[in-house]
Amino acid sequence: MQWLFEDSRIDWVELSELYRIAPLGIKPAEHLKLTYANSMHKCFVLDDGRIVGAGRVVGDGRDTAYLCDVVVHPELQGQGLGKARC
């Protein structure tokens, strides 16, 4: 698996589908692109080029940060991917 910390190679439509099947709701690709762009930290996990996980953190850069999302493909849920250290 490949861990990415920038979003230039992310297929936002694919990530939107991952949120849907996870299931974490319907989040349009453009919505995700904006929310991840505005996040302080972000991480994407790819397996053979397919997005199987993602997460993001928002914060003030000094004192406070919030873990906003952790999404993992249903086939991989419960295996520790969402809490793995990269």
PDB file of N, CA and C in Angstrom:
ATOM      1  N   MET A   1       0.838  -1.179   0.000  1.00  0.00           N
ATOM      2  CA  MET A   1       0.000   0.000   0.000  1.00  0.00           C
ATOM      3  C   MET A   1       0.878   1.235   0.000  1.00  0.00           C
ATOM      4  N   GLN A   2       0.373   2.255  -0.642  1.00  0.00           N
ATOM      5  CA  GLN A   2       1.108   3.509  -0.763  1.00  0.00           C
ATOM      6  C   GLN A   2       0.381   4.601   0.012  1.00  0.00           C
ATOM      7  N   TRP A   3       1.121   5.324   0.838  1.00  0.00           N
ATOM      8  CA  TRP A   3       0.570   6.418   1.633  1.00  0.00           C
ATOM      9  C   TRP A   3       0.965   7.737   0.981  1.00  0.00           C
ATOM     10  N   LEU A   4      -0.010   8.584   0.692  1.00  0.00           N
ATOM     11  CA  LEU A   4       0.226   9.895   0.083  1.00  0.00           C
ATOM     12  C   LEU A   4      -0.219  10.989   1.042  1.00  0.00           C
ATOM     13  N   PHE A   5       0.538  12.068   1.080  1.00  0.00           N
ATOM     14  CA  PHE A   5       0.213  13.179   1.970  1.00  0.00           C
ATOM     15  C   PHE A   5      -0.064  14.467   1.205  1.00  0.00           C
ATOM     16  N   GLU A   6      -0.294  14.343  -0.064  1.00  0.00           N
ATOM     17  CA  GLU A   6      -0.713  15.466  -0.898  1.00  0.00           C
ATOM     18  C   GLU A   6      -1.756  14.925  -1.866  1.00  0.00           C
ATOM     19  N   ASP A   7      -2.504  15.823  -2.470  1.00  0.00           N
ATOM     20  CA  ASP A   7      -3.684  15.376  -3.221  1.00  0.00           C
ATOM     21  C   ASP A   7      -3.616  15.551  -4.738  1.00  0.00           C
ATOM     22  N   SER A   8      -2.444  15.779  -5.277  1.00  0.00           N
ATOM     23  CA  SER A   8      -2.352  16.037  -6.718  1.00  0.00           C
ATOM     24  C   SER A   8      -2.721  14.826  -7.574  1.00  0.00           C
ATOM     25  N   ARG A   9      -2.617  13.629  -7.024  1.00  0.00           N
ATOM     26  CA  ARG A   9      -2.922  12.411  -7.784  1.00  0.00           C
ATOM     27  C   ARG A   9      -4.268  11.789  -7.409  1.00  0.00           C
ATOM     28  N   ILE A  10      -5.058  12.494  -6.642  1.00  0.00           N
ATOM     29  CA  ILE A  10      -6.302  11.929  -6.140  1.00  0.00           C
ATOM     30  C   ILE A  10      -7.432  12.071  -7.158  1.00  0.00           C
ATOM     31  N   ASP A  11      -8.140  10.986  -7.366  1.00  0.00           N
ATOM     32  CA  ASP A  11      -9.351  10.974  -8.183  1.00  0.00           C
ATOM     33  C   ASP A  11     -10.506  11.260  -7.226  1.00  0.00           C
ATOM     34  N   TRP A  12     -11.026  12.466  -7.256  1.00  0.00           N
ATOM     35  CA  TRP A  12     -12.029  12.900  -6.296  1.00  0.00           C
ATOM     36  C   TRP A  12     -13.348  12.164  -6.462  1.00  0.00           C
ATOM     37  N   VAL A  13     -13.675  11.750  -7.658  1.00  0.00           N
ATOM     38  CA  VAL A  13     -14.882  10.951  -7.889  1.00  0.00           C
ATOM     39  C   VAL A  13     -14.723   9.588  -7.211  1.00  0.00           C
ATOM     40  N   GLU A  14     -13.550   9.005  -7.326  1.00  0.00           N
ATOM     41  CA  GLU A  14     -13.276   7.727  -6.664  1.00  0.00           C
ATOM     42  C   GLU A  14     -13.360   7.875  -5.143  1.00  0.00           C
ATOM     43  N   LEU A  15     -12.823   8.958  -4.606  1.00  0.00           N
ATOM     44  CA  LEU A  15     -12.896   9.184  -3.162  1.00  0.00           C
ATOM     45  C   LEU A  15     -14.348   9.383  -2.727  1.00  0.00           C
ATOM     46  N   SER A  16     -15.127  10.085  -3.511  1.00  0.00           N
ATOM     47  CA  SER A  16     -16.546  10.276  -3.214  1.00  0.00           C
ATOM     48  C   SER A  16     -17.256   8.924  -3.131  1.00  0.00           C
ATOM     49  N   GLU A  17     -16.943   8.036  -4.034  1.00  0.00           N
ATOM     50  CA  GLU A  17     -17.537   6.690  -4.028  1.00  0.00           C
ATOM     51  C   GLU A  17     -17.106   5.915  -2.783  1.00  0.00           C
ATOM     52  N   LEU A  18     -15.859   6.076  -2.368  1.00  0.00           N
ATOM     53  CA  LEU A  18     -15.384   5.416  -1.154  1.00  0.00           C
ATOM     54  C   LEU A  18     -16.189   5.881   0.057  1.00  0.00           C
ATOM     55  N   TYR A  19     -16.427   7.174   0.176  1.00  0.00           N
ATOM     56  CA  TYR A  19     -17.246   7.685   1.277  1.00  0.00           C
ATOM     57  C   TYR A  19     -18.643   7.050   1.238  1.00  0.00           C
ATOM     58  N   ARG A  20     -19.204   6.910   0.043  1.00  0.00           N
ATOM     59  CA  ARG A  20     -20.550   6.356  -0.089  1.00  0.00           C
ATOM     60  C   ARG A  20     -20.606   4.909   0.383  1.00  0.00           C
ATOM     61  N   ILE A  21     -19.641   4.084  -0.039  1.00  0.00           N
ATOM     62  CA  ILE A  21     -19.694   2.664   0.290  1.00  0.00           C
ATOM     63  C   ILE A  21     -19.161   2.354   1.685  1.00  0.00           C
ATOM     64  N   ALA A  22     -18.495   3.310   2.334  1.00  0.00           N
ATOM     65  CA  ALA A  22     -17.843   3.055   3.631  1.00  0.00           C
ATOM     66  C   ALA A  22     -18.777   2.675   4.779  1.00  0.00           C
ATOM     67  N   PRO A  23     -19.928   3.101   5.013  1.00  0.00           N
ATOM     68  CA  PRO A  23     -20.677   4.232   4.459  1.00  0.00           C
ATOM     69  C   PRO A  23     -20.568   5.465   5.357  1.00  0.00           C
ATOM     70  N   LEU A  24     -20.097   6.550   4.766  1.00  0.00           N
ATOM     71  CA  LEU A  24     -19.998   7.817   5.489  1.00  0.00           C
ATOM     72  C   LEU A  24     -20.830   8.913   4.819  1.00  0.00           C
ATOM     73  N   GLY A  25     -21.750   8.514   3.976  1.00  0.00           N
ATOM     74  CA  GLY A  25     -22.666   9.478   3.369  1.00  0.00           C
ATOM     75  C   GLY A  25     -22.275   9.875   1.959  1.00  0.00           C
ATOM     76  N   ILE A  26     -23.111  10.704   1.398  1.00  0.00           N
ATOM     77  CA  ILE A  26     -22.915  11.202   0.034  1.00  0.00           C
ATOM     78  C   ILE A  26     -22.143  12.518   0.119  1.00  0.00           C
ATOM     79  N   LYS A  27     -20.920  12.497  -0.380  1.00  0.00           N
ATOM     80  CA  LYS A  27     -20.089  13.697  -0.404  1.00  0.00           C
ATOM     81  C   LYS A  27     -19.582  13.884  -1.837  1.00  0.00           C
ATOM     82  N   PRO A  28     -20.114  14.874  -2.526  1.00  0.00           N
ATOM     83  CA  PRO A  28     -19.713  15.098  -3.924  1.00  0.00           C
ATOM     84  C   PRO A  28     -18.200  15.335  -4.059  1.00  0.00           C
ATOM     85  N   ALA A  29     -17.670  14.961  -5.204  1.00  0.00           N
ATOM     86  CA  ALA A  29     -16.237  15.071  -5.472  1.00  0.00           C
ATOM     87  C   ALA A  29     -15.727  16.497  -5.244  1.00  0.00           C
ATOM     88  N   GLU A  30     -16.436  17.492  -5.732  1.00  0.00           N
ATOM     89  CA  GLU A  30     -15.997  18.881  -5.578  1.00  0.00           C
ATOM     90  C   GLU A  30     -16.002  19.307  -4.110  1.00  0.00           C
ATOM     91  N   HIS A  31     -16.945  18.799  -3.346  1.00  0.00           N
ATOM     92  CA  HIS A  31     -16.997  19.076  -1.899  1.00  0.00           C
ATOM     93  C   HIS A  31     -15.741  18.508  -1.224  1.00  0.00           C
ATOM     94  N   LEU A  32     -15.406  17.259  -1.535  1.00  0.00           N
ATOM     95  CA  LEU A  32     -14.233  16.623  -0.945  1.00  0.00           C
ATOM     96  C   LEU A  32     -12.947  17.331  -1.351  1.00  0.00           C
ATOM     97  N   LYS A  33     -12.856  17.715  -2.611  1.00  0.00           N
ATOM     98  CA  LYS A  33     -11.660  18.412  -3.088  1.00  0.00           C
ATOM     99  C   LYS A  33     -11.430  19.695  -2.290  1.00  0.00           C
ATOM    100  N   LEU A  34     -12.491  20.443  -2.030  1.00  0.00           N
ATOM    101  CA  LEU A  34     -12.383  21.682  -1.270  1.00  0.00           C
ATOM    102  C   LEU A  34     -12.067  21.410   0.202  1.00  0.00           C
ATOM    103  N   THR A  35     -12.749  20.455   0.821  1.00  0.00           N
ATOM    104  CA  THR A  35     -12.519  20.200   2.241  1.00  0.00           C
ATOM    105  C   THR A  35     -11.114  19.660   2.490  1.00  0.00           C
ATOM    106  N   TYR A  36     -10.617  18.789   1.618  1.00  0.00           N
ATOM    107  CA  TYR A  36      -9.247  18.288   1.788  1.00  0.00           C
ATOM    108  C   TYR A  36      -8.229  19.401   1.523  1.00  0.00           C
ATOM    109  N   ALA A  37      -8.505  20.269   0.544  1.00  0.00           N
ATOM    110  CA  ALA A  37      -7.594  21.386   0.264  1.00  0.00           C
ATOM    111  C   ALA A  37      -7.495  22.329   1.461  1.00  0.00           C
ATOM    112  N   ASN A  38      -8.578  22.480   2.195  1.00  0.00           N
ATOM    113  CA  ASN A  38      -8.607  23.374   3.348  1.00  0.00           C
ATOM    114  C   ASN A  38      -8.187  22.701   4.645  1.00  0.00           C
ATOM    115  N   SER A  39      -7.767  21.454   4.587  1.00  0.00           N
ATOM    116  CA  SER A  39      -7.361  20.723   5.782  1.00  0.00           C
ATOM    117  C   SER A  39      -5.875  20.909   6.046  1.00  0.00           C
ATOM    118  N   MET A  40      -5.517  20.963   7.308  1.00  0.00           N
ATOM    119  CA  MET A  40      -4.124  21.156   7.711  1.00  0.00           C
ATOM    120  C   MET A  40      -3.260  19.944   7.334  1.00  0.00           C
ATOM    121  N   HIS A  41      -3.790  18.767   7.556  1.00  0.00           N
ATOM    122  CA  HIS A  41      -3.096  17.528   7.211  1.00  0.00           C
ATOM    123  C   HIS A  41      -4.068  16.615   6.485  1.00  0.00           C
ATOM    124  N   LYS A  42      -3.531  15.822   5.579  1.00  0.00           N
ATOM    125  CA  LYS A  42      -4.355  14.858   4.852  1.00  0.00           C
ATOM    126  C   LYS A  42      -3.511  13.648   4.508  1.00  0.00           C
ATOM    127  N   CYS A  43      -4.171  12.532   4.388  1.00  0.00           N
ATOM    128  CA  CYS A  43      -3.485  11.295   4.056  1.00  0.00           C
ATOM    129  C   CYS A  43      -4.420  10.444   3.213  1.00  0.00           C
ATOM    130  N   PHE A  44      -3.847   9.822   2.201  1.00  0.00           N
ATOM    131  CA  PHE A  44      -4.598   8.930   1.328  1.00  0.00           C
ATOM    132  C   PHE A  44      -3.834   7.618   1.247  1.00  0.00           C
ATOM    133  N   VAL A  45      -4.563   6.510   1.225  1.00  0.00           N
ATOM    134  CA  VAL A  45      -3.936   5.200   1.112  1.00  0.00           C
ATOM    135  C   VAL A  45      -4.406   4.570  -0.189  1.00  0.00           C
ATOM    136  N   LEU A  46      -3.425   4.191  -1.019  1.00  0.00           N
ATOM    137  CA  LEU A  46      -3.724   3.558  -2.291  1.00  0.00           C
ATOM    138  C   LEU A  46      -3.227   2.121  -2.283  1.00  0.00           C
ATOM    139  N   ASP A  47      -3.992   1.258  -2.878  1.00  0.00           N
ATOM    140  CA  ASP A  47      -3.618  -0.144  -3.039  1.00  0.00           C
ATOM    141  C   ASP A  47      -3.755  -0.462  -4.522  1.00  0.00           C
ATOM    142  N   ASP A  48      -2.646  -0.706  -5.183  1.00  0.00           N
ATOM    143  CA  ASP A  48      -2.632  -0.916  -6.637  1.00  0.00           C
ATOM    144  C   ASP A  48      -3.319   0.227  -7.372  1.00  0.00           C
ATOM    145  N   GLY A  49      -3.083   1.460  -6.913  1.00  0.00           N
ATOM    146  CA  GLY A  49      -3.626   2.638  -7.565  1.00  0.00           C
ATOM    147  C   GLY A  49      -5.051   2.980  -7.174  1.00  0.00           C
ATOM    148  N   ARG A  50      -5.702   2.147  -6.388  1.00  0.00           N
ATOM    149  CA  ARG A  50      -7.092   2.357  -5.975  1.00  0.00           C
ATOM    150  C   ARG A  50      -7.104   2.976  -4.572  1.00  0.00           C
ATOM    151  N   ILE A  51      -7.918   4.000  -4.367  1.00  0.00           N
ATOM    152  CA  ILE A  51      -8.021   4.621  -3.041  1.00  0.00           C
ATOM    153  C   ILE A  51      -8.775   3.678  -2.117  1.00  0.00           C
ATOM    154  N   VAL A  52      -8.115   3.268  -1.030  1.00  0.00           N
ATOM    155  CA  VAL A  52      -8.746   2.372  -0.059  1.00  0.00           C
ATOM    156  C   VAL A  52      -8.886   3.029   1.312  1.00  0.00           C
ATOM    157  N   GLY A  53      -8.322   4.209   1.476  1.00  0.00           N
ATOM    158  CA  GLY A  53      -8.442   4.909   2.749  1.00  0.00           C
ATOM    159  C   GLY A  53      -8.046   6.362   2.610  1.00  0.00           C
ATOM    160  N   ALA A  54      -8.561   7.168   3.524  1.00  0.00           N
ATOM    161  CA  ALA A  54      -8.209   8.589   3.545  1.00  0.00           C
ATOM    162  C   ALA A  54      -8.563   9.156   4.910  1.00  0.00           C
ATOM    163  N   GLY A  55      -7.928  10.256   5.237  1.00  0.00           N
ATOM    164  CA  GLY A  55      -8.231  10.952   6.478  1.00  0.00           C
ATOM    165  C   GLY A  55      -7.738  12.380   6.389  1.00  0.00           C
ATOM    166  N   ARG A  56      -8.285  13.217   7.257  1.00  0.00           N
ATOM    167  CA  ARG A  56      -7.872  14.619   7.256  1.00  0.00           C
ATOM    168  C   ARG A  56      -8.013  15.217   8.641  1.00  0.00           C
ATOM    169  N   VAL A  57      -7.236  16.276   8.865  1.00  0.00           N
ATOM    170  CA  VAL A  57      -7.221  17.000  10.133  1.00  0.00           C
ATOM    171  C   VAL A  57      -7.334  18.489   9.828  1.00  0.00           C
ATOM    172  N   VAL A  58      -8.178  19.185  10.572  1.00  0.00           N
ATOM    173  CA  VAL A  58      -8.225  20.644  10.492  1.00  0.00           C
ATOM    174  C   VAL A  58      -7.722  21.191  11.816  1.00  0.00           C
ATOM    175  N   GLY A  59      -7.116  22.348  11.756  1.00  0.00           N
ATOM    176  CA  GLY A  59      -6.590  22.929  12.986  1.00  0.00           C
ATOM    177  C   GLY A  59      -6.166  24.368  12.791  1.00  0.00           C
ATOM    178  N   ASP A  60      -5.761  24.971  13.901  1.00  0.00           N
ATOM    179  CA  ASP A  60      -5.369  26.372  13.865  1.00  0.00           C
ATOM    180  C   ASP A  60      -3.863  26.560  13.669  1.00  0.00           C
ATOM    181  N   GLY A  61      -3.119  25.466  13.584  1.00  0.00           N
ATOM    182  CA  GLY A  61      -1.696  25.547  13.346  1.00  0.00           C
ATOM    183  C   GLY A  61      -0.863  25.833  14.587  1.00  0.00           C
ATOM    184  N   ARG A  62      -1.510  25.932  15.714  1.00  0.00           N
ATOM    185  CA  ARG A  62      -0.785  26.274  16.925  1.00  0.00           C
ATOM    186  C   ARG A  62      -1.192  25.394  18.103  1.00  0.00           C
ATOM    187  N   ASP A  63      -2.487  25.352  18.391  1.00  0.00           N
ATOM    188  CA  ASP A  63      -2.931  24.748  19.643  1.00  0.00           C
ATOM    189  C   ASP A  63      -3.939  23.617  19.469  1.00  0.00           C
ATOM    190  N   THR A  64      -4.818  23.740  18.510  1.00  0.00           N
ATOM    191  CA  THR A  64      -5.943  22.826  18.411  1.00  0.00           C
ATOM    192  C   THR A  64      -6.036  22.214  17.022  1.00  0.00           C
ATOM    193  N   ALA A  65      -6.333  20.928  16.987  1.00  0.00           N
ATOM    194  CA  ALA A  65      -6.560  20.227  15.728  1.00  0.00           C
ATOM    195  C   ALA A  65      -7.658  19.192  15.940  1.00  0.00           C
ATOM    196  N   TYR A  66      -8.417  18.944  14.896  1.00  0.00           N
ATOM    197  CA  TYR A  66      -9.513  17.987  14.952  1.00  0.00           C
ATOM    198  C   TYR A  66      -9.376  16.965  13.834  1.00  0.00           C
ATOM    199  N   LEU A  67      -9.474  15.713  14.195  1.00  0.00           N
ATOM    200  CA  LEU A  67      -9.541  14.641  13.210  1.00  0.00           C
ATOM    201  C   LEU A  67     -10.955  14.656  12.657  1.00  0.00           C
ATOM    202  N   CYS A  68     -11.082  14.977  11.380  1.00  0.00           N
ATOM    203  CA  CYS A  68     -12.414  15.149  10.785  1.00  0.00           C
ATOM    204  C   CYS A  68     -12.942  13.880  10.145  1.00  0.00           C
ATOM    205  N   ASP A  69     -12.132  13.206   9.406  1.00  0.00           N
ATOM    206  CA  ASP A  69     -12.578  12.043   8.654  1.00  0.00           C
ATOM    207  C   ASP A  69     -11.524  10.950   8.703  1.00  0.00           C
ATOM    208  N   VAL A  70     -11.985   9.742   8.803  1.00  0.00           N
ATOM    209  CA  VAL A  70     -11.168   8.564   8.525  1.00  0.00           C
ATOM    210  C   VAL A  70     -12.102   7.638   7.765  1.00  0.00           C
ATOM    211  N   VAL A  71     -11.785   7.390   6.515  1.00  0.00           N
ATOM    212  CA  VAL A  71     -12.619   6.537   5.682  1.00  0.00           C
ATOM    213  C   VAL A  71     -11.776   5.365   5.183  1.00  0.00           C
ATOM    214  N   VAL A  72     -12.317   4.166   5.312  1.00  0.00           N
ATOM    215  CA  VAL A  72     -11.617   2.947   4.913  1.00  0.00           C
ATOM    216  C   VAL A  72     -12.576   2.094   4.086  1.00  0.00           C
ATOM    217  N   HIS A  73     -12.059   1.525   3.017  1.00  0.00           N
ATOM    218  CA  HIS A  73     -12.866   0.659   2.158  1.00  0.00           C
ATOM    219  C   HIS A  73     -13.468  -0.468   2.992  1.00  0.00           C
ATOM    220  N   PRO A  74     -14.746  -0.804   2.778  1.00  0.00           N
ATOM    221  CA  PRO A  74     -15.404  -1.844   3.570  1.00  0.00           C
ATOM    222  C   PRO A  74     -14.658  -3.181   3.603  1.00  0.00           C
ATOM    223  N   GLU A  75     -13.992  -3.545   2.526  1.00  0.00           N
ATOM    224  CA  GLU A  75     -13.249  -4.812   2.483  1.00  0.00           C
ATOM    225  C   GLU A  75     -12.051  -4.804   3.428  1.00  0.00           C
ATOM    226  N   LEU A  76     -11.603  -3.620   3.840  1.00  0.00           N
ATOM    227  CA  LEU A  76     -10.423  -3.500   4.695  1.00  0.00           C
ATOM    228  C   LEU A  76     -10.752  -3.020   6.103  1.00  0.00           C
ATOM    229  N   GLN A  77     -12.011  -2.712   6.361  1.00  0.00           N
ATOM    230  CA  GLN A  77     -12.396  -2.243   7.688  1.00  0.00           C
ATOM    231  C   GLN A  77     -12.157  -3.353   8.720  1.00  0.00           C
ATOM    232  N   GLY A  78     -11.755  -2.942   9.906  1.00  0.00           N
ATOM    233  CA  GLY A  78     -11.515  -3.880  10.994  1.00  0.00           C
ATOM    234  C   GLY A  78     -10.156  -4.530  10.973  1.00  0.00           C
ATOM    235  N   GLN A  79      -9.293  -4.107  10.043  1.00  0.00           N
ATOM    236  CA  GLN A  79      -7.953  -4.702   9.914  1.00  0.00           C
ATOM    237  C   GLN A  79      -6.858  -3.757  10.397  1.00  0.00           C
ATOM    238  N   GLY A  80      -7.237  -2.605  10.936  1.00  0.00           N
ATOM    239  CA  GLY A  80      -6.245  -1.688  11.495  1.00  0.00           C
ATOM    240  C   GLY A  80      -5.743  -0.598  10.564  1.00  0.00           C
ATOM    241  N   LEU A  81      -6.242  -0.542   9.339  1.00  0.00           N
ATOM    242  CA  LEU A  81      -5.755   0.474   8.399  1.00  0.00           C
ATOM    243  C   LEU A  81      -6.047   1.887   8.898  1.00  0.00           C
ATOM    244  N   GLY A  82      -7.214   2.114   9.480  1.00  0.00           N
ATOM    245  CA  GLY A  82      -7.611   3.443   9.934  1.00  0.00           C
ATOM    246  C   GLY A  82      -6.794   3.965  11.109  1.00  0.00           C
ATOM    247  N   LYS A  83      -6.101   3.089  11.803  1.00  0.00           N
ATOM    248  CA  LYS A  83      -5.280   3.542  12.923  1.00  0.00           C
ATOM    249  C   LYS A  83      -3.802   3.222  12.722  1.00  0.00           C
ATOM    250  N   ALA A  84      -3.449   2.766  11.520  1.00  0.00           N
ATOM    251  CA  ALA A  84      -2.064   2.427  11.208  1.00  0.00           C
ATOM    252  C   ALA A  84      -1.192   3.674  11.217  1.00  0.00           C
ATOM    253  N   ARG A  85       0.024   3.502  11.602  1.00  0.00           N
ATOM    254  CA  ARG A  85       1.017   4.579  11.543  1.00  0.00           C
ATOM    255  C   ARG A  85       1.757   4.445  10.221  1.00  0.00           C
ATOM    256  N   CYS A  86       1.820   5.528   9.506  1.00  0.00           N
ATOM    257  CA  CYS A  86       2.473   5.483   8.201  1.00  0.00           C
ATOM    258  C   CYS A  86       3.938   5.820   8.297  1.00  0.00           C
TER     259      CYS A  86
END
